[in-house]
Each structure stands twice: as structure tokens, then as C-alpha cells.
Amino acid sequence: MDILDRVSLQDQIAEVRREIAMRRKVYIRQVYFGKMTEAEAETHSLNMAAVLRTLEALCDQKREGAASGVESLATPPV
């Protein structure tokens, strides 16, 4: 088992949420100082929001599979 396999989906989701919050603050400063355009900041923010949505959907899929007794294809074998 790879060490990265030990990082739960819930931990990954929490980390992405923290990253999104941090980037929000950073991007405001980057745009203010001319190091990034508003369009770039928006694109990066949308990309991270998509990552979060994907992880949340995967987590929901895994939870639903566990509730029904069917293992998801996205779940790696242990």
C-alpha cells in the first residue's frame, strides 16, 4: 500500500477546502498587485471548485456503495 492510499477522501476534501480559502485571499492580493488578472484568478478558482466537486461526488458514490453493500469501482482494492 502506497502512503498516499492512507489519505482518506474526507481528508482530501478538507484539504481542498482549506486550499480554496487560502487561494481566495492570495488571488485578491495577486490581482491587486498586477501579478494575476481577474480572469486568471477566476479560472484557477473554478478549477479548484471542480476538484472539490469531483472529490465530494466520489465520496458520495463510495458512501452509497457502502450503504448498498456494493463496492464502487473507484475504490482501490486493499
PDB file of N, CA and C in Angstrom:
ATOM      1  N   MET A   1       0.854  -1.188   0.000  1.00  0.00           N
ATOM      2  CA  MET A   1       0.000   0.000   0.000  1.00  0.00           C
ATOM      3  C   MET A   1       0.890   1.239   0.000  1.00  0.00           C
ATOM      4  N   ASP A   2       0.602   2.124  -0.905  1.00  0.00           N
ATOM      5  CA  ASP A   2       1.307   3.401  -1.010  1.00  0.00           C
ATOM      6  C   ASP A   2       0.869   4.295   0.148  1.00  0.00           C
ATOM      7  N   ILE A   3       1.776   5.111   0.651  1.00  0.00           N
ATOM      8  CA  ILE A   3       1.449   6.002   1.769  1.00  0.00           C
ATOM      9  C   ILE A   3       0.301   6.950   1.414  1.00  0.00           C
ATOM     10  N   LEU A   4       0.180   7.318   0.135  1.00  0.00           N
ATOM     11  CA  LEU A   4      -0.903   8.218  -0.278  1.00  0.00           C
ATOM     12  C   LEU A   4      -2.267   7.537  -0.208  1.00  0.00           C
ATOM     13  N   ASP A   5      -2.291   6.208  -0.256  1.00  0.00           N
ATOM     14  CA  ASP A   5      -3.555   5.480  -0.135  1.00  0.00           C
ATOM     15  C   ASP A   5      -4.158   5.627   1.255  1.00  0.00           C
ATOM     16  N   ARG A   6      -3.364   6.051   2.213  1.00  0.00           N
ATOM     17  CA  ARG A   6      -3.848   6.221   3.587  1.00  0.00           C
ATOM     18  C   ARG A   6      -4.573   7.542   3.807  1.00  0.00           C
ATOM     19  N   VAL A   7      -4.529   8.424   2.826  1.00  0.00           N
ATOM     20  CA  VAL A   7      -5.198   9.721   2.949  1.00  0.00           C
ATOM     21  C   VAL A   7      -6.653   9.533   2.534  1.00  0.00           C
ATOM     22  N   SER A   8      -7.557   9.691   3.483  1.00  0.00           N
ATOM     23  CA  SER A   8      -8.971   9.452   3.208  1.00  0.00           C
ATOM     24  C   SER A   8      -9.546  10.532   2.287  1.00  0.00           C
ATOM     25  N   LEU A   9     -10.669  10.197   1.656  1.00  0.00           N
ATOM     26  CA  LEU A   9     -11.358  11.183   0.823  1.00  0.00           C
ATOM     27  C   LEU A   9     -11.798  12.380   1.658  1.00  0.00           C
ATOM     28  N   GLN A  10     -12.240  12.124   2.889  1.00  0.00           N
ATOM     29  CA  GLN A  10     -12.662  13.227   3.756  1.00  0.00           C
ATOM     30  C   GLN A  10     -11.491  14.167   4.047  1.00  0.00           C
ATOM     31  N   ASP A  11     -10.309  13.606   4.265  1.00  0.00           N
ATOM     32  CA  ASP A  11      -9.125  14.450   4.495  1.00  0.00           C
ATOM     33  C   ASP A  11      -8.751  15.226   3.237  1.00  0.00           C
ATOM     34  N   GLN A  12      -8.880  14.591   2.083  1.00  0.00           N
ATOM     35  CA  GLN A  12      -8.579  15.277   0.826  1.00  0.00           C
ATOM     36  C   GLN A  12      -9.560  16.427   0.603  1.00  0.00           C
ATOM     37  N   ILE A  13     -10.822  16.182   0.887  1.00  0.00           N
ATOM     38  CA  ILE A  13     -11.842  17.226   0.727  1.00  0.00           C
ATOM     39  C   ILE A  13     -11.562  18.394   1.664  1.00  0.00           C
ATOM     40  N   ALA A  14     -11.236  18.092   2.904  1.00  0.00           N
ATOM     41  CA  ALA A  14     -10.920  19.156   3.875  1.00  0.00           C
ATOM     42  C   ALA A  14      -9.713  19.967   3.404  1.00  0.00           C
ATOM     43  N   GLU A  15      -8.714  19.289   2.867  1.00  0.00           N
ATOM     44  CA  GLU A  15      -7.512  19.989   2.395  1.00  0.00           C
ATOM     45  C   GLU A  15      -7.817  20.888   1.212  1.00  0.00           C
ATOM     46  N   VAL A  16      -8.638  20.404   0.293  1.00  0.00           N
ATOM     47  CA  VAL A  16      -9.005  21.226  -0.865  1.00  0.00           C
ATOM     48  C   VAL A  16      -9.816  22.443  -0.414  1.00  0.00           C
ATOM     49  N   ARG A  17     -10.688  22.248   0.563  1.00  0.00           N
ATOM     50  CA  ARG A  17     -11.442  23.403   1.089  1.00  0.00           C
ATOM     51  C   ARG A  17     -10.507  24.436   1.702  1.00  0.00           C
ATOM     52  N   ARG A  18      -9.512  23.972   2.463  1.00  0.00           N
ATOM     53  CA  ARG A  18      -8.532  24.914   3.047  1.00  0.00           C
ATOM     54  C   ARG A  18      -7.752  25.627   1.943  1.00  0.00           C
ATOM     55  N   GLU A  19      -7.375  24.883   0.931  1.00  0.00           N
ATOM     56  CA  GLU A  19      -6.621  25.454  -0.191  1.00  0.00           C
ATOM     57  C   GLU A  19      -7.448  26.512  -0.917  1.00  0.00           C
ATOM     58  N   ILE A  20      -8.714  26.231  -1.140  1.00  0.00           N
ATOM     59  CA  ILE A  20      -9.591  27.196  -1.813  1.00  0.00           C
ATOM     60  C   ILE A  20      -9.688  28.480  -0.991  1.00  0.00           C
ATOM     61  N   ALA A  21      -9.849  28.351   0.315  1.00  0.00           N
ATOM     62  CA  ALA A  21      -9.937  29.532   1.188  1.00  0.00           C
ATOM     63  C   ALA A  21      -8.639  30.336   1.153  1.00  0.00           C
ATOM     64  N   MET A  22      -7.504  29.642   1.189  1.00  0.00           N
ATOM     65  CA  MET A  22      -6.223  30.323   1.158  1.00  0.00           C
ATOM     66  C   MET A  22      -6.020  31.030  -0.182  1.00  0.00           C
ATOM     67  N   ARG A  23      -6.329  30.323  -1.259  1.00  0.00           N
ATOM     68  CA  ARG A  23      -6.145  30.911  -2.589  1.00  0.00           C
ATOM     69  C   ARG A  23      -7.023  32.144  -2.778  1.00  0.00           C
ATOM     70  N   ARG A  24      -8.223  32.111  -2.219  1.00  0.00           N
ATOM     71  CA  ARG A  24      -9.122  33.267  -2.330  1.00  0.00           C
ATOM     72  C   ARG A  24      -8.406  34.522  -1.827  1.00  0.00           C
ATOM     73  N   LYS A  25      -7.759  34.402  -0.670  1.00  0.00           N
ATOM     74  CA  LYS A  25      -7.031  35.543  -0.094  1.00  0.00           C
ATOM     75  C   LYS A  25      -5.819  35.924  -0.940  1.00  0.00           C
ATOM     76  N   VAL A  26      -5.095  34.917  -1.392  1.00  0.00           N
ATOM     77  CA  VAL A  26      -3.887  35.169  -2.185  1.00  0.00           C
ATOM     78  C   VAL A  26      -4.240  35.810  -3.519  1.00  0.00           C
ATOM     79  N   TYR A  27      -5.265  35.283  -4.183  1.00  0.00           N
ATOM     80  CA  TYR A  27      -5.625  35.804  -5.503  1.00  0.00           C
ATOM     81  C   TYR A  27      -6.047  37.270  -5.441  1.00  0.00           C
ATOM     82  N   ILE A  28      -6.736  37.652  -4.393  1.00  0.00           N
ATOM     83  CA  ILE A  28      -7.120  39.065  -4.254  1.00  0.00           C
ATOM     84  C   ILE A  28      -5.877  39.943  -4.262  1.00  0.00           C
ATOM     85  N   ARG A  29      -4.864  39.537  -3.521  1.00  0.00           N
ATOM     86  CA  ARG A  29      -3.612  40.311  -3.471  1.00  0.00           C
ATOM     87  C   ARG A  29      -2.874  40.271  -4.805  1.00  0.00           C
ATOM     88  N   GLN A  30      -2.858  39.099  -5.427  1.00  0.00           N
ATOM     89  CA  GLN A  30      -2.165  38.967  -6.708  1.00  0.00           C
ATOM     90  C   GLN A  30      -2.793  39.874  -7.766  1.00  0.00           C
ATOM     91  N   VAL A  31      -4.100  39.919  -7.791  1.00  0.00           N
ATOM     92  CA  VAL A  31      -4.797  40.783  -8.744  1.00  0.00           C
ATOM     93  C   VAL A  31      -4.529  42.248  -8.406  1.00  0.00           C
ATOM     94  N   TYR A  32      -4.607  42.590  -7.130  1.00  0.00           N
ATOM     95  CA  TYR A  32      -4.381  43.970  -6.700  1.00  0.00           C
ATOM     96  C   TYR A  32      -3.003  44.463  -7.127  1.00  0.00           C
ATOM     97  N   PHE A  33      -1.975  43.596  -6.977  1.00  0.00           N
ATOM     98  CA  PHE A  33      -0.605  43.996  -7.313  1.00  0.00           C
ATOM     99  C   PHE A  33      -0.248  43.735  -8.776  1.00  0.00           C
ATOM    100  N   GLY A  34      -1.209  43.314  -9.582  1.00  0.00           N
ATOM    101  CA  GLY A  34      -0.981  43.145 -11.012  1.00  0.00           C
ATOM    102  C   GLY A  34      -0.204  41.890 -11.386  1.00  0.00           C
ATOM    103  N   LYS A  35      -0.092  40.945 -10.498  1.00  0.00           N
ATOM    104  CA  LYS A  35       0.650  39.715 -10.778  1.00  0.00           C
ATOM    105  C   LYS A  35      -0.237  38.642 -11.396  1.00  0.00           C
ATOM    106  N   MET A  36      -1.554  38.896 -11.373  1.00  0.00           N
ATOM    107  CA  MET A  36      -2.528  37.957 -11.918  1.00  0.00           C
ATOM    108  C   MET A  36      -3.739  38.763 -12.361  1.00  0.00           C
ATOM    109  N   THR A  37      -4.340  38.343 -13.463  1.00  0.00           N
ATOM    110  CA  THR A  37      -5.561  39.020 -13.898  1.00  0.00           C
ATOM    111  C   THR A  37      -6.756  38.424 -13.151  1.00  0.00           C
ATOM    112  N   GLU A  38      -7.860  39.161 -13.155  1.00  0.00           N
ATOM    113  CA  GLU A  38      -9.081  38.643 -12.529  1.00  0.00           C
ATOM    114  C   GLU A  38      -9.540  37.376 -13.250  1.00  0.00           C
ATOM    115  N   ALA A  39      -9.347  37.348 -14.564  1.00  0.00           N
ATOM    116  CA  ALA A  39      -9.744  36.167 -15.338  1.00  0.00           C
ATOM    117  C   ALA A  39      -8.918  34.939 -14.927  1.00  0.00           C
ATOM    118  N   GLU A  40      -7.624  35.131 -14.714  1.00  0.00           N
ATOM    119  CA  GLU A  40      -6.774  34.020 -14.265  1.00  0.00           C
ATOM    120  C   GLU A  40      -7.203  33.534 -12.884  1.00  0.00           C
ATOM    121  N   ALA A  41      -7.452  34.473 -11.999  1.00  0.00           N
ATOM    122  CA  ALA A  41      -7.883  34.118 -10.646  1.00  0.00           C
ATOM    123  C   ALA A  41      -9.193  33.340 -10.699  1.00  0.00           C
ATOM    124  N   GLU A  42     -10.112  33.784 -11.530  1.00  0.00           N
ATOM    125  CA  GLU A  42     -11.405  33.106 -11.664  1.00  0.00           C
ATOM    126  C   GLU A  42     -11.220  31.692 -12.231  1.00  0.00           C
ATOM    127  N   THR A  43     -10.365  31.552 -13.238  1.00  0.00           N
ATOM    128  CA  THR A  43     -10.110  30.240 -13.832  1.00  0.00           C
ATOM    129  C   THR A  43      -9.528  29.277 -12.804  1.00  0.00           C
ATOM    130  N   HIS A  44      -8.534  29.730 -12.056  1.00  0.00           N
ATOM    131  CA  HIS A  44      -7.920  28.875 -11.037  1.00  0.00           C
ATOM    132  C   HIS A  44      -8.930  28.516  -9.945  1.00  0.00           C
ATOM    133  N   SER A  45      -9.754  29.472  -9.570  1.00  0.00           N
ATOM    134  CA  SER A  45     -10.774  29.223  -8.541  1.00  0.00           C
ATOM    135  C   SER A  45     -11.796  28.202  -9.025  1.00  0.00           C
ATOM    136  N   LEU A  46     -12.229  28.334 -10.267  1.00  0.00           N
ATOM    137  CA  LEU A  46     -13.180  27.376 -10.828  1.00  0.00           C
ATOM    138  C   LEU A  46     -12.574  25.982 -10.933  1.00  0.00           C
ATOM    139  N   ASN A  47     -11.305  25.907 -11.298  1.00  0.00           N
ATOM    140  CA  ASN A  47     -10.621  24.613 -11.377  1.00  0.00           C
ATOM    141  C   ASN A  47     -10.608  23.918 -10.019  1.00  0.00           C
ATOM    142  N   MET A  48     -10.301  24.669  -8.972  1.00  0.00           N
ATOM    143  CA  MET A  48     -10.267  24.077  -7.636  1.00  0.00           C
ATOM    144  C   MET A  48     -11.658  23.704  -7.167  1.00  0.00           C
ATOM    145  N   ALA A  49     -12.649  24.491  -7.524  1.00  0.00           N
ATOM    146  CA  ALA A  49     -14.030  24.154  -7.177  1.00  0.00           C
ATOM    147  C   ALA A  49     -14.440  22.854  -7.867  1.00  0.00           C
ATOM    148  N   ALA A  50     -13.968  22.649  -9.093  1.00  0.00           N
ATOM    149  CA  ALA A  50     -14.257  21.404  -9.813  1.00  0.00           C
ATOM    150  C   ALA A  50     -13.574  20.218  -9.138  1.00  0.00           C
ATOM    151  N   VAL A  51     -12.349  20.412  -8.668  1.00  0.00           N
ATOM    152  CA  VAL A  51     -11.654  19.350  -7.928  1.00  0.00           C
ATOM    153  C   VAL A  51     -12.453  18.976  -6.690  1.00  0.00           C
ATOM    154  N   LEU A  52     -12.908  19.983  -5.965  1.00  0.00           N
ATOM    155  CA  LEU A  52     -13.699  19.738  -4.759  1.00  0.00           C
ATOM    156  C   LEU A  52     -14.979  18.982  -5.103  1.00  0.00           C
ATOM    157  N   ARG A  53     -15.666  19.408  -6.132  1.00  0.00           N
ATOM    158  CA  ARG A  53     -16.907  18.741  -6.532  1.00  0.00           C
ATOM    159  C   ARG A  53     -16.643  17.277  -6.910  1.00  0.00           C
ATOM    160  N   THR A  54     -15.557  17.026  -7.619  1.00  0.00           N
ATOM    161  CA  THR A  54     -15.213  15.659  -8.008  1.00  0.00           C
ATOM    162  C   THR A  54     -14.957  14.788  -6.784  1.00  0.00           C
ATOM    163  N   LEU A  55     -14.188  15.299  -5.836  1.00  0.00           N
ATOM    164  CA  LEU A  55     -13.907  14.539  -4.622  1.00  0.00           C
ATOM    165  C   LEU A  55     -15.172  14.289  -3.811  1.00  0.00           C
ATOM    166  N   GLU A  56     -16.032  15.290  -3.722  1.00  0.00           N
ATOM    167  CA  GLU A  56     -17.287  15.119  -2.984  1.00  0.00           C
ATOM    168  C   GLU A  56     -18.181  14.084  -3.661  1.00  0.00           C
ATOM    169  N   ALA A  57     -18.237  14.102  -4.987  1.00  0.00           N
ATOM    170  CA  ALA A  57     -19.045  13.126  -5.720  1.00  0.00           C
ATOM    171  C   ALA A  57     -18.487  11.721  -5.520  1.00  0.00           C
ATOM    172  N   LEU A  58     -17.181  11.595  -5.548  1.00  0.00           N
ATOM    173  CA  LEU A  58     -16.549  10.306  -5.318  1.00  0.00           C
ATOM    174  C   LEU A  58     -16.834   9.802  -3.909  1.00  0.00           C
ATOM    175  N   CYS A  59     -16.782  10.701  -2.950  1.00  0.00           N
ATOM    176  CA  CYS A  59     -17.086  10.353  -1.564  1.00  0.00           C
ATOM    177  C   CYS A  59     -18.543   9.896  -1.437  1.00  0.00           C
ATOM    178  N   ASP A  60     -19.465  10.618  -2.076  1.00  0.00           N
ATOM    179  CA  ASP A  60     -20.887  10.244  -2.055  1.00  0.00           C
ATOM    180  C   ASP A  60     -21.094   8.882  -2.706  1.00  0.00           C
ATOM    181  N   GLN A  61     -20.429   8.670  -3.828  1.00  0.00           N
ATOM    182  CA  GLN A  61     -20.534   7.400  -4.546  1.00  0.00           C
ATOM    183  C   GLN A  61     -20.034   6.254  -3.663  1.00  0.00           C
ATOM    184  N   LYS A  62     -18.928   6.488  -3.003  1.00  0.00           N
ATOM    185  CA  LYS A  62     -18.357   5.472  -2.129  1.00  0.00           C
ATOM    186  C   LYS A  62     -19.308   5.185  -0.956  1.00  0.00           C
ATOM    187  N   ARG A  63     -19.875   6.243  -0.378  1.00  0.00           N
ATOM    188  CA  ARG A  63     -20.808   6.102   0.745  1.00  0.00           C
ATOM    189  C   ARG A  63     -22.063   5.341   0.311  1.00  0.00           C
ATOM    190  N   GLU A  64     -22.606   5.677  -0.867  1.00  0.00           N
ATOM    191  CA  GLU A  64     -23.797   4.994  -1.367  1.00  0.00           C
ATOM    192  C   GLU A  64     -23.508   3.524  -1.657  1.00  0.00           C
ATOM    193  N   GLY A  65     -22.325   3.244  -2.189  1.00  0.00           N
ATOM    194  CA  GLY A  65     -21.934   1.864  -2.461  1.00  0.00           C
ATOM    195  C   GLY A  65     -21.816   1.065  -1.185  1.00  0.00           C
ATOM    196  N   ALA A  66     -21.258   1.688  -0.157  1.00  0.00           N
ATOM    197  CA  ALA A  66     -21.113   1.007   1.132  1.00  0.00           C
ATOM    198  C   ALA A  66     -22.478   0.757   1.756  1.00  0.00           C
ATOM    199  N   ALA A  67     -23.397   1.710   1.594  1.00  0.00           N
ATOM    200  CA  ALA A  67     -24.729   1.567   2.176  1.00  0.00           C
ATOM    201  C   ALA A  67     -25.509   0.452   1.491  1.00  0.00           C
ATOM    202  N   SER A  68     -25.257   0.266   0.194  1.00  0.00           N
ATOM    203  CA  SER A  68     -25.995  -0.765  -0.541  1.00  0.00           C
ATOM    204  C   SER A  68     -25.263  -2.100  -0.531  1.00  0.00           C
ATOM    205  N   GLY A  69     -24.060  -2.111   0.020  1.00  0.00           N
ATOM    206  CA  GLY A  69     -23.286  -3.346   0.067  1.00  0.00           C
ATOM    207  C   GLY A  69     -22.516  -3.621  -1.208  1.00  0.00           C
ATOM    208  N   VAL A  70     -22.557  -2.682  -2.143  1.00  0.00           N
ATOM    209  CA  VAL A  70     -21.835  -2.829  -3.406  1.00  0.00           C
ATOM    210  C   VAL A  70     -20.616  -1.935  -3.364  1.00  0.00           C
ATOM    211  N   GLU A  71     -19.458  -2.519  -3.645  1.00  0.00           N
ATOM    212  CA  GLU A  71     -18.217  -1.754  -3.633  1.00  0.00           C
ATOM    213  C   GLU A  71     -18.093  -0.967  -4.932  1.00  0.00           C
ATOM    214  N   SER A  72     -17.692   0.270  -4.851  1.00  0.00           N
ATOM    215  CA  SER A  72     -17.530   1.132  -6.004  1.00  0.00           C
ATOM    216  C   SER A  72     -16.316   0.720  -6.826  1.00  0.00           C
ATOM    217  N   LEU A  73     -16.398   0.950  -8.131  1.00  0.00           N
ATOM    218  CA  LEU A  73     -15.251   0.697  -8.991  1.00  0.00           C
ATOM    219  C   LEU A  73     -14.114   1.650  -8.687  1.00  0.00           C
ATOM    220  N   ALA A  74     -14.437   2.815  -8.118  1.00  0.00           N
ATOM    221  CA  ALA A  74     -13.414   3.810  -7.800  1.00  0.00           C
ATOM    222  C   ALA A  74     -12.646   3.469  -6.535  1.00  0.00           C
ATOM    223  N   THR A  75     -13.094   2.476  -5.793  1.00  0.00           N
ATOM    224  CA  THR A  75     -12.419   2.104  -4.558  1.00  0.00           C
ATOM    225  C   THR A  75     -11.281   1.149  -4.863  1.00  0.00           C
ATOM    226  N   PRO A  76     -10.044   1.526  -4.527  1.00  0.00           N
ATOM    227  CA  PRO A  76      -8.917   0.629  -4.819  1.00  0.00           C
ATOM    228  C   PRO A  76      -8.968  -0.595  -3.906  1.00  0.00           C
ATOM    229  N   PRO A  77      -8.536  -1.727  -4.412  1.00  0.00           N
ATOM    230  CA  PRO A  77      -8.515  -2.928  -3.562  1.00  0.00           C
ATOM    231  C   PRO A  77      -7.517  -2.773  -2.427  1.00  0.00           C
ATOM    232  N   VAL A  78      -7.843  -3.356  -1.300  1.00  0.00           N
ATOM    233  CA  VAL A  78      -6.963  -3.263  -0.128  1.00  0.00           C
ATOM    234  C   VAL A  78      -6.266  -4.574   0.094  1.00  0.00           C
TER     235      VAL A  78
END
